[in-house]
Amino acid sequence: FVANQPSHVQISDMTIMATKQATGFLIHREK
């Protein structure tokens, strides 16, 4: 997706996490 943007569009950063992950290693685990 990032690579397919038009020539005038630069996505500088993209952060992607699982839905039940917050910062870094803060994860909600189902028992």
PDB file of all heavy atoms in Angstrom:
ATOM      1  N   PHE A   1       0.833  -1.211   0.000  1.00  0.00           N
ATOM      2  CA  PHE A   1       0.000   0.000   0.000  1.00  0.00           C
ATOM      3  C   PHE A   1       0.862   1.252   0.000  1.00  0.00           C
ATOM      4  O   PHE A   1       0.627   2.195  -0.773  1.00  0.00           O
ATOM      5  CB  PHE A   1      -0.926  -0.011   1.217  1.00  0.00           C
ATOM      6  CG  PHE A   1      -1.671   1.279   1.434  1.00  0.00           C
ATOM      7  CD1 PHE A   1      -2.805   1.571   0.705  1.00  0.00           C
ATOM      8  CD2 PHE A   1      -1.224   2.213   2.367  1.00  0.00           C
ATOM      9  CE1 PHE A   1      -3.496   2.773   0.897  1.00  0.00           C
ATOM     10  CE2 PHE A   1      -1.905   3.406   2.569  1.00  0.00           C
ATOM     11  CZ  PHE A   1      -3.046   3.687   1.828  1.00  0.00           C
ATOM     12  N   VAL A   2       1.859   1.282   0.861  1.00  0.00           N
ATOM     13  CA  VAL A   2       2.763   2.436   0.938  1.00  0.00           C
ATOM     14  C   VAL A   2       3.474   2.653  -0.398  1.00  0.00           C
ATOM     15  O   VAL A   2       3.598   3.783  -0.883  1.00  0.00           O
ATOM     16  CB  VAL A   2       3.784   2.219   2.074  1.00  0.00           C
ATOM     17  CG1 VAL A   2       4.931   3.219   1.981  1.00  0.00           C
ATOM     18  CG2 VAL A   2       3.101   2.330   3.429  1.00  0.00           C
ATOM     19  N   ALA A   3       3.929   1.559  -0.991  1.00  0.00           N
ATOM     20  CA  ALA A   3       4.695   1.647  -2.235  1.00  0.00           C
ATOM     21  C   ALA A   3       3.830   2.050  -3.425  1.00  0.00           C
ATOM     22  O   ALA A   3       4.358   2.564  -4.426  1.00  0.00           O
ATOM     23  CB  ALA A   3       5.367   0.306  -2.524  1.00  0.00           C
ATOM     24  N   ASN A   4       2.532   1.836  -3.334  1.00  0.00           N
ATOM     25  CA  ASN A   4       1.642   2.103  -4.466  1.00  0.00           C
ATOM     26  C   ASN A   4       0.983   3.481  -4.420  1.00  0.00           C
ATOM     27  O   ASN A   4       0.080   3.773  -5.209  1.00  0.00           O
ATOM     28  CB  ASN A   4       0.554   1.030  -4.540  1.00  0.00           C
ATOM     29  CG  ASN A   4       1.071  -0.268  -5.128  1.00  0.00           C
ATOM     30  OD1 ASN A   4       2.172  -0.323  -5.680  1.00  0.00           O
ATOM     31  ND2 ASN A   4       0.293  -1.328  -5.017  1.00  0.00           N
ATOM     32  N   GLN A   5       1.437   4.343  -3.521  1.00  0.00           N
ATOM     33  CA  GLN A   5       0.886   5.696  -3.466  1.00  0.00           C
ATOM     34  C   GLN A   5       1.360   6.528  -4.670  1.00  0.00           C
ATOM     35  O   GLN A   5       2.423   6.259  -5.237  1.00  0.00           O
ATOM     36  CB  GLN A   5       1.289   6.376  -2.166  1.00  0.00           C
ATOM     37  CG  GLN A   5       0.671   5.736  -0.934  1.00  0.00           C
ATOM     38  CD  GLN A   5      -0.839   5.642  -1.025  1.00  0.00           C
ATOM     39  OE1 GLN A   5      -1.536   6.647  -1.121  1.00  0.00           O
ATOM     40  NE2 GLN A   5      -1.354   4.406  -1.028  1.00  0.00           N
ATOM     41  N   PRO A   6       0.598   7.541  -5.055  1.00  0.00           N
ATOM     42  CA  PRO A   6       1.015   8.406  -6.166  1.00  0.00           C
ATOM     43  C   PRO A   6       2.358   9.073  -5.889  1.00  0.00           C
ATOM     44  O   PRO A   6       2.797   9.154  -4.731  1.00  0.00           O
ATOM     45  CB  PRO A   6      -0.106   9.450  -6.241  1.00  0.00           C
ATOM     46  CG  PRO A   6      -1.263   8.853  -5.532  1.00  0.00           C
ATOM     47  CD  PRO A   6      -0.703   7.933  -4.487  1.00  0.00           C
ATOM     48  N   SER A   7       2.990   9.550  -6.940  1.00  0.00           N
ATOM     49  CA  SER A   7       4.355  10.080  -6.821  1.00  0.00           C
ATOM     50  C   SER A   7       4.455  11.249  -5.842  1.00  0.00           C
ATOM     51  O   SER A   7       5.509  11.459  -5.239  1.00  0.00           O
ATOM     52  CB  SER A   7       4.869  10.513  -8.195  1.00  0.00           C
ATOM     53  OG  SER A   7       4.028  11.519  -8.746  1.00  0.00           O
ATOM     54  N   HIS A   8       3.372  12.003  -5.655  1.00  0.00           N
ATOM     55  CA  HIS A   8       3.434  13.169  -4.760  1.00  0.00           C
ATOM     56  C   HIS A   8       3.100  12.810  -3.315  1.00  0.00           C
ATOM     57  O   HIS A   8       3.132  13.682  -2.448  1.00  0.00           O
ATOM     58  CB  HIS A   8       2.477  14.271  -5.251  1.00  0.00           C
ATOM     59  CG  HIS A   8       1.024  13.936  -5.082  1.00  0.00           C
ATOM     60  ND1 HIS A   8       0.386  12.997  -5.861  1.00  0.00           N
ATOM     61  CD2 HIS A   8       0.094  14.397  -4.200  1.00  0.00           C
ATOM     62  CE1 HIS A   8      -0.879  12.912  -5.484  1.00  0.00           C
ATOM     63  NE2 HIS A   8      -1.082  13.740  -4.474  1.00  0.00           N
ATOM     64  N   VAL A   9       2.789  11.548  -3.043  1.00  0.00           N
ATOM     65  CA  VAL A   9       2.397  11.122  -1.696  1.00  0.00           C
ATOM     66  C   VAL A   9       3.509  10.270  -1.091  1.00  0.00           C
ATOM     67  O   VAL A   9       3.867   9.223  -1.616  1.00  0.00           O
ATOM     68  CB  VAL A   9       1.082  10.313  -1.713  1.00  0.00           C
ATOM     69  CG1 VAL A   9       0.758   9.802  -0.311  1.00  0.00           C
ATOM     70  CG2 VAL A   9      -0.059  11.161  -2.252  1.00  0.00           C
ATOM     71  N   GLN A  10       4.049  10.726   0.035  1.00  0.00           N
ATOM     72  CA  GLN A  10       5.084  10.002   0.762  1.00  0.00           C
ATOM     73  C   GLN A  10       4.561   9.674   2.165  1.00  0.00           C
ATOM     74  O   GLN A  10       4.281  10.582   2.951  1.00  0.00           O
ATOM     75  CB  GLN A  10       6.364  10.843   0.879  1.00  0.00           C
ATOM     76  CG  GLN A  10       7.442  10.208   1.726  1.00  0.00           C
ATOM     77  CD  GLN A  10       8.701  11.059   1.804  1.00  0.00           C
ATOM     78  OE1 GLN A  10       9.806  10.553   1.772  1.00  0.00           O
ATOM     79  NE2 GLN A  10       8.543  12.380   1.903  1.00  0.00           N
ATOM     80  N   ILE A  11       4.418   8.403   2.457  1.00  0.00           N
ATOM     81  CA  ILE A  11       4.043   7.988   3.805  1.00  0.00           C
ATOM     82  C   ILE A  11       5.340   7.795   4.571  1.00  0.00           C
ATOM     83  O   ILE A  11       6.105   6.865   4.313  1.00  0.00           O
ATOM     84  CB  ILE A  11       3.204   6.697   3.784  1.00  0.00           C
ATOM     85  CG1 ILE A  11       1.888   6.955   3.035  1.00  0.00           C
ATOM     86  CG2 ILE A  11       2.935   6.205   5.206  1.00  0.00           C
ATOM     87  CD1 ILE A  11       1.016   5.736   2.873  1.00  0.00           C
ATOM     88  N   SER A  12       5.615   8.675   5.495  1.00  0.00           N
ATOM     89  CA  SER A  12       6.912   8.655   6.173  1.00  0.00           C
ATOM     90  C   SER A  12       7.007   7.537   7.199  1.00  0.00           C
ATOM     91  O   SER A  12       8.066   6.929   7.369  1.00  0.00           O
ATOM     92  CB  SER A  12       7.182  10.009   6.844  1.00  0.00           C
ATOM     93  OG  SER A  12       6.201  10.267   7.839  1.00  0.00           O
ATOM     94  N   ASP A  13       5.900   7.263   7.909  1.00  0.00           N
ATOM     95  CA  ASP A  13       5.907   6.249   8.966  1.00  0.00           C
ATOM     96  C   ASP A  13       4.577   5.514   8.975  1.00  0.00           C
ATOM     97  O   ASP A  13       3.524   6.117   8.778  1.00  0.00           O
ATOM     98  CB  ASP A  13       6.094   6.882  10.346  1.00  0.00           C
ATOM     99  CG  ASP A  13       7.343   7.718  10.438  1.00  0.00           C
ATOM    100  OD1 ASP A  13       7.280   8.920  10.103  1.00  0.00           O
ATOM    101  OD2 ASP A  13       8.372   7.173  10.853  1.00  0.00           O
ATOM    102  N   MET A  14       4.643   4.231   9.261  1.00  0.00           N
ATOM    103  CA  MET A  14       3.426   3.451   9.469  1.00  0.00           C
ATOM    104  C   MET A  14       3.672   2.496  10.637  1.00  0.00           C
ATOM    105  O   MET A  14       4.610   1.699  10.606  1.00  0.00           O
ATOM    106  CB  MET A  14       3.028   2.662   8.221  1.00  0.00           C
ATOM    107  CG  MET A  14       1.755   1.846   8.404  1.00  0.00           C
ATOM    108  SD  MET A  14       1.298   0.868   6.942  1.00  0.00           S
ATOM    109  CE  MET A  14       0.592   2.158   5.909  1.00  0.00           C
ATOM    110  N   THR A  15       2.842   2.603  11.666  1.00  0.00           N
ATOM    111  CA  THR A  15       2.921   1.716  12.819  1.00  0.00           C
ATOM    112  C   THR A  15       1.725   0.780  12.793  1.00  0.00           C
ATOM    113  O   THR A  15       0.583   1.229  12.670  1.00  0.00           O
ATOM    114  CB  THR A  15       2.942   2.523  14.132  1.00  0.00           C
ATOM    115  OG1 THR A  15       4.053   3.426  14.111  1.00  0.00           O
ATOM    116  CG2 THR A  15       3.054   1.606  15.333  1.00  0.00           C
ATOM    117  N   ILE A  16       1.985  -0.517  12.926  1.00  0.00           N
ATOM    118  CA  ILE A  16       0.945  -1.535  12.775  1.00  0.00           C
ATOM    119  C   ILE A  16       1.005  -2.467  13.973  1.00  0.00           C
ATOM    120  O   ILE A  16       2.054  -3.075  14.234  1.00  0.00           O
ATOM    121  CB  ILE A  16       1.149  -2.355  11.486  1.00  0.00           C
ATOM    122  CG1 ILE A  16       1.408  -1.434  10.289  1.00  0.00           C
ATOM    123  CG2 ILE A  16      -0.044  -3.261  11.220  1.00  0.00           C
ATOM    124  CD1 ILE A  16       2.135  -2.113   9.156  1.00  0.00           C
ATOM    125  N   MET A  17      -0.086  -2.592  14.691  1.00  0.00           N
ATOM    126  CA  MET A  17      -0.121  -3.487  15.844  1.00  0.00           C
ATOM    127  C   MET A  17      -1.353  -4.383  15.785  1.00  0.00           C
ATOM    128  O   MET A  17      -2.350  -4.055  15.135  1.00  0.00           O
ATOM    129  CB  MET A  17      -0.116  -2.687  17.148  1.00  0.00           C
ATOM    130  CG  MET A  17       1.195  -2.002  17.440  1.00  0.00           C
ATOM    131  SD  MET A  17       1.280  -1.270  19.092  1.00  0.00           S
ATOM    132  CE  MET A  17       0.316   0.215  18.859  1.00  0.00           C
ATOM    133  N   ALA A  18      -1.272  -5.508  16.479  1.00  0.00           N
ATOM    134  CA  ALA A  18      -2.448  -6.347  16.663  1.00  0.00           C
ATOM    135  C   ALA A  18      -3.491  -5.579  17.475  1.00  0.00           C
ATOM    136  O   ALA A  18      -3.151  -4.672  18.249  1.00  0.00           O
ATOM    137  CB  ALA A  18      -2.059  -7.633  17.391  1.00  0.00           C
ATOM    138  N   THR A  19      -4.743  -5.940  17.313  1.00  0.00           N
ATOM    139  CA  THR A  19      -5.815  -5.198  17.965  1.00  0.00           C
ATOM    140  C   THR A  19      -5.659  -5.179  19.483  1.00  0.00           C
ATOM    141  O   THR A  19      -5.937  -4.173  20.137  1.00  0.00           O
ATOM    142  CB  THR A  19      -7.180  -5.802  17.587  1.00  0.00           C
ATOM    143  OG1 THR A  19      -7.328  -5.720  16.162  1.00  0.00           O
ATOM    144  CG2 THR A  19      -8.325  -5.055  18.247  1.00  0.00           C
ATOM    145  N   LYS A  20      -5.175  -6.281  20.058  1.00  0.00           N
ATOM    146  CA  LYS A  20      -5.037  -6.333  21.515  1.00  0.00           C
ATOM    147  C   LYS A  20      -3.596  -6.133  21.963  1.00  0.00           C
ATOM    148  O   LYS A  20      -3.147  -6.706  22.952  1.00  0.00           O
ATOM    149  CB  LYS A  20      -5.621  -7.642  22.044  1.00  0.00           C
ATOM    150  CG  LYS A  20      -7.147  -7.673  21.867  1.00  0.00           C
ATOM    151  CD  LYS A  20      -7.803  -8.826  22.552  1.00  0.00           C
ATOM    152  CE  LYS A  20      -9.327  -8.705  22.410  1.00  0.00           C
ATOM    153  NZ  LYS A  20     -10.021  -9.840  23.067  1.00  0.00           N
ATOM    154  N   GLN A  21      -2.893  -5.296  21.217  1.00  0.00           N
ATOM    155  CA  GLN A  21      -1.557  -4.848  21.612  1.00  0.00           C
ATOM    156  C   GLN A  21      -1.585  -3.337  21.704  1.00  0.00           C
ATOM    157  O   GLN A  21      -2.168  -2.662  20.848  1.00  0.00           O
ATOM    158  CB  GLN A  21      -0.506  -5.281  20.584  1.00  0.00           C
ATOM    159  CG  GLN A  21       0.906  -4.811  20.922  1.00  0.00           C
ATOM    160  CD  GLN A  21       1.935  -5.222  19.880  1.00  0.00           C
ATOM    161  OE1 GLN A  21       1.582  -5.588  18.763  1.00  0.00           O
ATOM    162  NE2 GLN A  21       3.197  -5.143  20.230  1.00  0.00           N
ATOM    163  N   ALA A  22      -0.952  -2.801  22.736  1.00  0.00           N
ATOM    164  CA  ALA A  22      -0.846  -1.348  22.862  1.00  0.00           C
ATOM    165  C   ALA A  22       0.610  -0.978  22.647  1.00  0.00           C
ATOM    166  O   ALA A  22       1.164  -1.241  21.584  1.00  0.00           O
ATOM    167  CB  ALA A  22      -1.376  -0.890  24.214  1.00  0.00           C
ATOM    168  N   THR A  23       1.254  -0.383  23.617  1.00  0.00           N
ATOM    169  CA  THR A  23       2.643   0.038  23.420  1.00  0.00           C
ATOM    170  C   THR A  23       3.605  -1.123  23.609  1.00  0.00           C
ATOM    171  O   THR A  23       3.581  -1.806  24.636  1.00  0.00           O
ATOM    172  CB  THR A  23       3.006   1.143  24.426  1.00  0.00           C
ATOM    173  OG1 THR A  23       2.777   0.654  25.747  1.00  0.00           O
ATOM    174  CG2 THR A  23       2.168   2.375  24.186  1.00  0.00           C
ATOM    175  N   GLY A  24       4.424  -1.322  22.609  1.00  0.00           N
ATOM    176  CA  GLY A  24       5.485  -2.306  22.727  1.00  0.00           C
ATOM    177  C   GLY A  24       5.004  -3.682  23.117  1.00  0.00           C
ATOM    178  O   GLY A  24       4.270  -4.321  22.384  1.00  0.00           O
ATOM    179  N   PHE A  25       5.393  -4.158  24.300  1.00  0.00           N
ATOM    180  CA  PHE A  25       5.065  -5.508  24.735  1.00  0.00           C
ATOM    181  C   PHE A  25       3.842  -5.536  25.643  1.00  0.00           C
ATOM    182  O   PHE A  25       3.603  -6.517  26.349  1.00  0.00           O
ATOM    183  CB  PHE A  25       6.280  -6.122  25.449  1.00  0.00           C
ATOM    184  CG  PHE A  25       6.691  -7.457  24.872  1.00  0.00           C
ATOM    185  CD1 PHE A  25       6.820  -7.624  23.506  1.00  0.00           C
ATOM    186  CD2 PHE A  25       6.963  -8.535  25.693  1.00  0.00           C
ATOM    187  CE1 PHE A  25       7.210  -8.843  22.963  1.00  0.00           C
ATOM    188  CE2 PHE A  25       7.355  -9.759  25.171  1.00  0.00           C
ATOM    189  CZ  PHE A  25       7.480  -9.910  23.799  1.00  0.00           C
ATOM    190  N   LEU A  26       3.056  -4.445  25.668  1.00  0.00           N
ATOM    191  CA  LEU A  26       1.823  -4.434  26.456  1.00  0.00           C
ATOM    192  C   LEU A  26       0.727  -5.115  25.640  1.00  0.00           C
ATOM    193  O   LEU A  26       0.224  -4.544  24.663  1.00  0.00           O
ATOM    194  CB  LEU A  26       1.429  -3.005  26.815  1.00  0.00           C
ATOM    195  CG  LEU A  26       0.186  -2.856  27.685  1.00  0.00           C
ATOM    196  CD1 LEU A  26       0.352  -3.621  28.999  1.00  0.00           C
ATOM    197  CD2 LEU A  26      -0.099  -1.399  27.959  1.00  0.00           C
ATOM    198  N   ILE A  27       0.425  -6.341  26.014  1.00  0.00           N
ATOM    199  CA  ILE A  27      -0.487  -7.189  25.242  1.00  0.00           C
ATOM    200  C   ILE A  27      -1.546  -7.759  26.173  1.00  0.00           C
ATOM    201  O   ILE A  27      -1.253  -8.197  27.296  1.00  0.00           O
ATOM    202  CB  ILE A  27       0.297  -8.338  24.570  1.00  0.00           C
ATOM    203  CG1 ILE A  27       1.227  -7.783  23.488  1.00  0.00           C
ATOM    204  CG2 ILE A  27      -0.648  -9.377  23.974  1.00  0.00           C
ATOM    205  CD1 ILE A  27       2.230  -8.791  22.965  1.00  0.00           C
ATOM    206  N   HIS A  28      -2.802  -7.750  25.707  1.00  0.00           N
ATOM    207  CA  HIS A  28      -3.868  -8.433  26.445  1.00  0.00           C
ATOM    208  C   HIS A  28      -4.003  -9.833  25.884  1.00  0.00           C
ATOM    209  O   HIS A  28      -4.274 -10.027  24.705  1.00  0.00           O
ATOM    210  CB  HIS A  28      -5.202  -7.695  26.321  1.00  0.00           C
ATOM    211  CG  HIS A  28      -6.328  -8.433  26.967  1.00  0.00           C
ATOM    212  ND1 HIS A  28      -6.481  -8.513  28.334  1.00  0.00           N
ATOM    213  CD2 HIS A  28      -7.331  -9.170  26.435  1.00  0.00           C
ATOM    214  CE1 HIS A  28      -7.543  -9.234  28.635  1.00  0.00           C
ATOM    215  NE2 HIS A  28      -8.067  -9.652  27.491  1.00  0.00           N
ATOM    216  N   ARG A  29      -3.811 -10.828  26.739  1.00  0.00           N
ATOM    217  CA  ARG A  29      -3.887 -12.215  26.310  1.00  0.00           C
ATOM    218  C   ARG A  29      -5.160 -12.859  26.875  1.00  0.00           C
ATOM    219  O   ARG A  29      -5.449 -12.760  28.057  1.00  0.00           O
ATOM    220  CB  ARG A  29      -2.651 -12.990  26.781  1.00  0.00           C
ATOM    221  CG  ARG A  29      -1.363 -12.437  26.203  1.00  0.00           C
ATOM    222  CD  ARG A  29      -0.161 -13.245  26.659  1.00  0.00           C
ATOM    223  NE  ARG A  29       1.097 -12.615  26.241  1.00  0.00           N
ATOM    224  CZ  ARG A  29       1.676 -12.794  25.070  1.00  0.00           C
ATOM    225  NH1 ARG A  29       1.108 -13.606  24.183  1.00  0.00           N
ATOM    226  NH2 ARG A  29       2.805 -12.189  24.780  1.00  0.00           N
ATOM    227  N   GLU A  30      -5.904 -13.535  25.999  1.00  0.00           N
ATOM    228  CA  GLU A  30      -7.080 -14.285  26.430  1.00  0.00           C
ATOM    229  C   GLU A  30      -6.625 -15.585  27.086  1.00  0.00           C
ATOM    230  O   GLU A  30      -5.703 -16.241  26.587  1.00  0.00           O
ATOM    231  CB  GLU A  30      -7.973 -14.591  25.233  1.00  0.00           C
ATOM    232  CG  GLU A  30      -8.464 -13.364  24.486  1.00  0.00           C
ATOM    233  CD  GLU A  30      -9.467 -12.542  25.277  1.00  0.00           C
ATOM    234  OE1 GLU A  30     -10.025 -13.066  26.262  1.00  0.00           O
ATOM    235  OE2 GLU A  30      -9.694 -11.365  24.920  1.00  0.00           O
ATOM    236  N   LYS A  31      -7.268 -15.952  28.168  1.00  0.00           N
ATOM    237  CA  LYS A  31      -6.889 -17.189  28.867  1.00  0.00           C
ATOM    238  C   LYS A  31      -7.647 -18.368  28.298  1.00  0.00           C
ATOM    239  O   LYS A  31      -8.721 -18.238  27.753  1.00  0.00           O
ATOM    240  CB  LYS A  31      -7.162 -17.048  30.359  1.00  0.00           C
ATOM    241  CG  LYS A  31      -6.295 -15.969  31.009  1.00  0.00           C
ATOM    242  CD  LYS A  31      -6.558 -15.890  32.487  1.00  0.00           C
ATOM    243  CE  LYS A  31      -5.671 -14.811  33.135  1.00  0.00           C
ATOM    244  NZ  LYS A  31      -5.950 -14.702  34.602  1.00  0.00           N
TER     245      LYS A  31
END
